[in-house]
C-alpha atoms as a PDB file:
ATOM      1  CA  MET A   1      14.009  -2.862 -30.369  1.00  0.00           C
ATOM      2  CA  ILE A   2      14.234  -2.872 -26.548  1.00  0.00           C
ATOM      3  CA  SER A   3      17.334  -0.047 -25.312  1.00  0.00           C
ATOM      4  CA  TYR A   4      18.865   0.331 -22.125  1.00  0.00           C
ATOM      5  CA  ARG A   5      19.786   3.602 -22.308  1.00  0.00           C
ATOM      6  CA  PRO A   6      17.965   5.004 -19.857  1.00  0.00           C
ATOM      7  CA  LEU A   7      19.732   2.600 -17.394  1.00  0.00           C
ATOM      8  CA  PHE A   8      23.087   4.292 -18.020  1.00  0.00           C
ATOM      9  CA  LYS A   9      21.489   7.526 -17.701  1.00  0.00           C
ATOM     10  CA  THR A  10      19.783   6.737 -14.549  1.00  0.00           C
ATOM     11  CA  MET A  11      22.856   5.171 -13.118  1.00  0.00           C
ATOM     12  CA  ALA A  12      24.594   8.404 -13.785  1.00  0.00           C
ATOM     13  CA  GLU A  13      21.904  10.843 -12.581  1.00  0.00           C
ATOM     14  CA  LYS A  14      22.070   8.688  -9.280  1.00  0.00           C
ATOM     15  CA  ASN A  15      25.792   8.525  -8.944  1.00  0.00           C
ATOM     16  CA  ILE A  16      26.038   4.776  -8.890  1.00  0.00           C
ATOM     17  CA  SER A  17      28.812   3.291 -11.110  1.00  0.00           C
ATOM     18  CA  SER A  18      28.993  -0.375 -12.528  1.00  0.00           C
ATOM     19  CA  TYR A  19      31.301  -1.108  -9.281  1.00  0.00           C
ATOM     20  CA  ALA A  20      28.524   0.016  -6.704  1.00  0.00           C
ATOM     21  CA  LEU A  21      26.143  -2.077  -8.569  1.00  0.00           C
ATOM     22  CA  PHE A  22      28.018  -5.424  -8.321  1.00  0.00           C
ATOM     23  CA  LYS A  23      28.897  -4.645  -4.580  1.00  0.00           C
ATOM     24  CA  MET A  24      24.371  -4.331  -4.153  1.00  0.00           C
ATOM     25  CA  GLY A  25      24.482  -7.886  -5.338  1.00  0.00           C
ATOM     26  CA  PHE A  26      24.133  -7.321  -9.435  1.00  0.00           C
ATOM     27  CA  SER A  27      26.179 -10.068 -11.693  1.00  0.00           C
ATOM     28  CA  LYS A  28      28.920  -8.515 -13.227  1.00  0.00           C
ATOM     29  CA  ALA A  29      27.879 -11.033 -16.035  1.00  0.00           C
ATOM     30  CA  THR A  30      24.165  -9.782 -16.487  1.00  0.00           C
ATOM     31  CA  TYR A  31      25.461  -6.064 -16.557  1.00  0.00           C
ATOM     32  CA  HIS A  32      28.020  -6.894 -19.155  1.00  0.00           C
ATOM     33  CA  SER A  33      25.466  -8.485 -20.949  1.00  0.00           C
ATOM     34  CA  ILE A  34      22.799  -5.573 -20.775  1.00  0.00           C
ATOM     35  CA  LYS A  35      26.205  -3.372 -21.902  1.00  0.00           C
ATOM     36  CA  LYS A  36      26.077  -5.513 -25.393  1.00  0.00           C
ATOM     37  CA  GLY A  37      21.930  -4.956 -25.485  1.00  0.00           C
ATOM     38  CA  ASN A  38      21.223  -8.753 -24.544  1.00  0.00           C
ATOM     39  CA  SER A  39      17.737  -9.239 -23.346  1.00  0.00           C
ATOM     40  CA  ILE A  40      17.072  -9.428 -19.616  1.00  0.00           C
ATOM     41  CA  SER A  41      14.383 -11.283 -17.994  1.00  0.00           C
ATOM     42  CA  THR A  42      11.739  -9.152 -15.787  1.00  0.00           C
ATOM     43  CA  ASN A  43      13.664 -10.547 -12.846  1.00  0.00           C
ATOM     44  CA  THR A  44      16.425  -8.937 -13.663  1.00  0.00           C
ATOM     45  CA  VAL A  45      14.459  -5.574 -14.588  1.00  0.00           C
ATOM     46  CA  ASN A  46      13.023  -5.749 -11.115  1.00  0.00           C
ATOM     47  CA  GLN A  47      16.377  -6.183  -9.398  1.00  0.00           C
ATOM     48  CA  LEU A  48      17.922  -2.947 -11.028  1.00  0.00           C
ATOM     49  CA  CYS A  49      14.552  -1.267 -10.051  1.00  0.00           C
ATOM     50  CA  ARG A  50      14.411  -2.387  -6.642  1.00  0.00           C
ATOM     51  CA  LEU A  51      18.201  -1.477  -6.242  1.00  0.00           C
ATOM     52  CA  LEU A  52      18.315   1.620  -8.334  1.00  0.00           C
ATOM     53  CA  GLN A  53      14.972   2.961  -7.122  1.00  0.00           C
ATOM     54  CA  CYS A  54      13.328   3.630 -10.220  1.00  0.00           C
ATOM     55  CA  SER A  55      10.672   2.422 -12.211  1.00  0.00           C
ATOM     56  CA  VAL A  56      11.265   0.283 -15.517  1.00  0.00           C
ATOM     57  CA  SER A  57      10.929   3.442 -17.931  1.00  0.00           C
ATOM     58  CA  ASP A  58      14.428   4.792 -15.783  1.00  0.00           C
ATOM     59  CA  ILE A  59      15.767   1.279 -17.228  1.00  0.00           C
ATOM     60  CA  MET A  60      14.644   0.632 -20.686  1.00  0.00           C
ATOM     61  CA  GLU A  61      12.851   1.750 -23.814  1.00  0.00           C
ATOM     62  CA  TYR A  62      11.267   0.427 -27.133  1.00  0.00           C
ATOM     63  CA  ILE A  63      12.766   2.261 -29.927  1.00  0.00           C
ATOM     64  CA  ASP A  64      10.972   1.111 -33.227  1.00  0.00           C
ATOM     65  CA  ASP A  65      13.484   0.305 -35.697  1.00  0.00           C
ATOM     66  CA  GLU A  66      11.216  -1.568 -38.463  1.00  0.00           C
ATOM     67  CA  PRO A  67      10.699   0.655 -41.572  1.00  0.00           C
ATOM     68  CA  ARG A  68       6.838   1.054 -42.206  1.00  0.00           C
ATOM     69  CA  GLY A  69       5.263   0.362 -44.939  1.00  0.00           C
END
């Protein structure tokens, strides 16, 4: 599964609130969708990387949640 925990960690490290992200032009609806764990487009990932000046791994990570065997 894809986790967006790195996004919220990156925002905290850079002292960027959700309000500041909205002021930079990021969609509130998309932000709330991310908070719910819904999937996002690569365009959205690109926008977040540009706004936060970070890499993709600072936005999301893959967590293996499937049982093996």
